[in-house]
Amino acid sequence: MYIALVSMIAVVVLFACSAIESKIRRVESRTARVERKLDLIIEHLGVDAGGLMPNLAPVHLLLEQGERMKAIKEYRKITGVGLKEAVDEIQRLTGTHR
């Protein structure tokens, strides 16, 4: 009886952790999209964001060298965004939207 109860509690905890982790991933993804939109607005308005904008020079250098995959990895490292957001941004930078 005790083992069954502990097992049931463990299963419930695992499901709860999985749900929380999924929610966190969705929030991180949404946050990255909002940040990118804000960056585009700042860029469009010509506002000097100073130190707020990440230095993407290494990404641009990799793109100039034809290293698209490395540029995606570097963009993710610099900005902290997910894979889809990084791929979308690299496509935007290179004009290769699908």
Protein backbone atom coordinates (compact mmCIF):
# COMPACT_ATOMS: atom_id res chain seq x y z
CA MET A 1 0.00 0.00 0.00
CA TYR A 2 2.77 2.41 1.01
CA ILE A 3 4.81 1.66 -2.13
CA ALA A 4 1.78 2.25 -4.36
CA LEU A 5 1.10 5.60 -2.69
CA VAL A 6 4.73 6.71 -3.07
CA SER A 7 4.69 5.61 -6.71
CA MET A 8 1.52 7.57 -7.41
CA ILE A 9 2.97 10.67 -5.76
CA ALA A 10 6.16 10.30 -7.81
CA VAL A 11 4.16 10.06 -11.04
CA VAL A 12 2.13 13.17 -10.14
CA VAL A 13 5.31 15.10 -9.33
CA LEU A 14 6.90 14.04 -12.62
CA PHE A 15 3.85 15.17 -14.60
CA ALA A 16 3.81 18.48 -12.74
CA CYS A 17 7.52 19.05 -13.42
CA SER A 18 7.03 18.23 -17.09
CA ALA A 19 4.14 20.68 -17.36
CA ILE A 20 6.14 23.42 -15.63
CA GLU A 21 9.16 22.82 -17.87
CA SER A 22 6.96 23.03 -20.97
CA LYS A 23 5.42 26.28 -19.73
CA ILE A 24 8.88 27.75 -19.06
CA ARG A 25 10.01 26.88 -22.60
CA ARG A 26 6.92 28.58 -24.07
CA VAL A 27 7.50 31.69 -21.95
CA GLU A 28 11.17 31.82 -22.97
CA SER A 29 10.21 31.52 -26.62
CA ARG A 30 7.59 34.25 -26.36
CA THR A 31 10.02 36.50 -24.49
CA ALA A 32 12.66 36.05 -27.21
CA ARG A 33 10.09 36.98 -29.90
CA VAL A 34 9.02 40.08 -27.97
CA GLU A 35 12.65 41.11 -27.47
CA ARG A 36 13.34 40.69 -31.18
CA LYS A 37 10.28 42.79 -32.05
CA LEU A 38 11.48 45.50 -29.67
CA ASP A 39 14.92 45.38 -31.28
CA LEU A 40 13.33 45.86 -34.70
CA ILE A 41 11.26 48.80 -33.43
CA ILE A 42 14.35 50.40 -31.88
CA GLU A 43 16.25 49.88 -35.13
CA HIS A 44 13.37 51.26 -37.22
CA LEU A 45 13.08 54.38 -35.06
CA GLY A 46 16.82 54.93 -35.21
CA VAL A 47 17.08 55.09 -31.44
CA ASP A 48 20.59 54.75 -30.07
CA ALA A 49 20.16 51.79 -27.75
CA GLY A 50 23.79 52.00 -26.63
CA GLY A 51 24.74 48.92 -24.65
CA LEU A 52 21.24 47.47 -24.86
CA MET A 53 21.79 45.91 -28.27
CA PRO A 54 24.01 42.83 -28.37
CA ASN A 55 27.16 42.99 -30.47
CA LEU A 56 26.38 40.81 -33.48
CA ALA A 57 29.68 41.47 -35.28
CA PRO A 58 30.84 37.85 -34.82
CA VAL A 59 27.59 36.64 -36.40
CA HIS A 60 28.00 38.96 -39.38
CA LEU A 61 31.61 37.83 -39.80
CA LEU A 62 30.56 34.18 -39.84
CA LEU A 63 27.86 34.94 -42.40
CA GLU A 64 30.39 36.73 -44.61
CA GLN A 65 32.54 33.58 -44.42
CA GLY A 66 29.57 31.43 -45.48
CA GLU A 67 29.36 29.73 -42.09
CA ARG A 68 25.56 29.87 -41.69
CA MET A 69 25.31 27.07 -39.07
CA LYS A 70 28.10 28.57 -36.97
CA ALA A 71 26.39 31.97 -37.27
CA ILE A 72 23.16 30.46 -35.90
CA LYS A 73 25.04 28.92 -32.96
CA GLU A 74 26.84 32.19 -32.27
CA TYR A 75 23.60 34.17 -32.48
CA ARG A 76 22.01 31.81 -29.94
CA LYS A 77 25.02 32.16 -27.65
CA ILE A 78 24.98 35.97 -27.82
CA THR A 79 21.23 36.52 -27.55
CA GLY A 80 20.03 33.49 -25.60
CA VAL A 81 17.17 32.79 -28.04
CA GLY A 82 15.98 29.37 -29.13
CA LEU A 83 16.89 27.59 -32.33
CA LYS A 84 13.82 28.70 -34.32
CA GLU A 85 14.28 32.34 -33.39
CA ALA A 86 17.97 32.19 -34.29
CA VAL A 87 17.27 30.55 -37.65
CA ASP A 88 14.57 33.12 -38.40
CA GLU A 89 16.92 35.99 -37.59
CA ILE A 90 19.79 34.57 -39.66
CA GLN A 91 17.35 34.14 -42.54
CA ARG A 92 16.26 37.76 -42.10
CA LEU A 93 19.87 38.95 -42.03
CA THR A 94 20.79 37.00 -45.15
CA GLY A 95 17.51 37.60 -46.99
CA THR A 96 16.78 33.88 -47.31
CA HIS A 97 13.25 33.79 -45.88
CA ARG A 98 11.25 30.78 -46.97
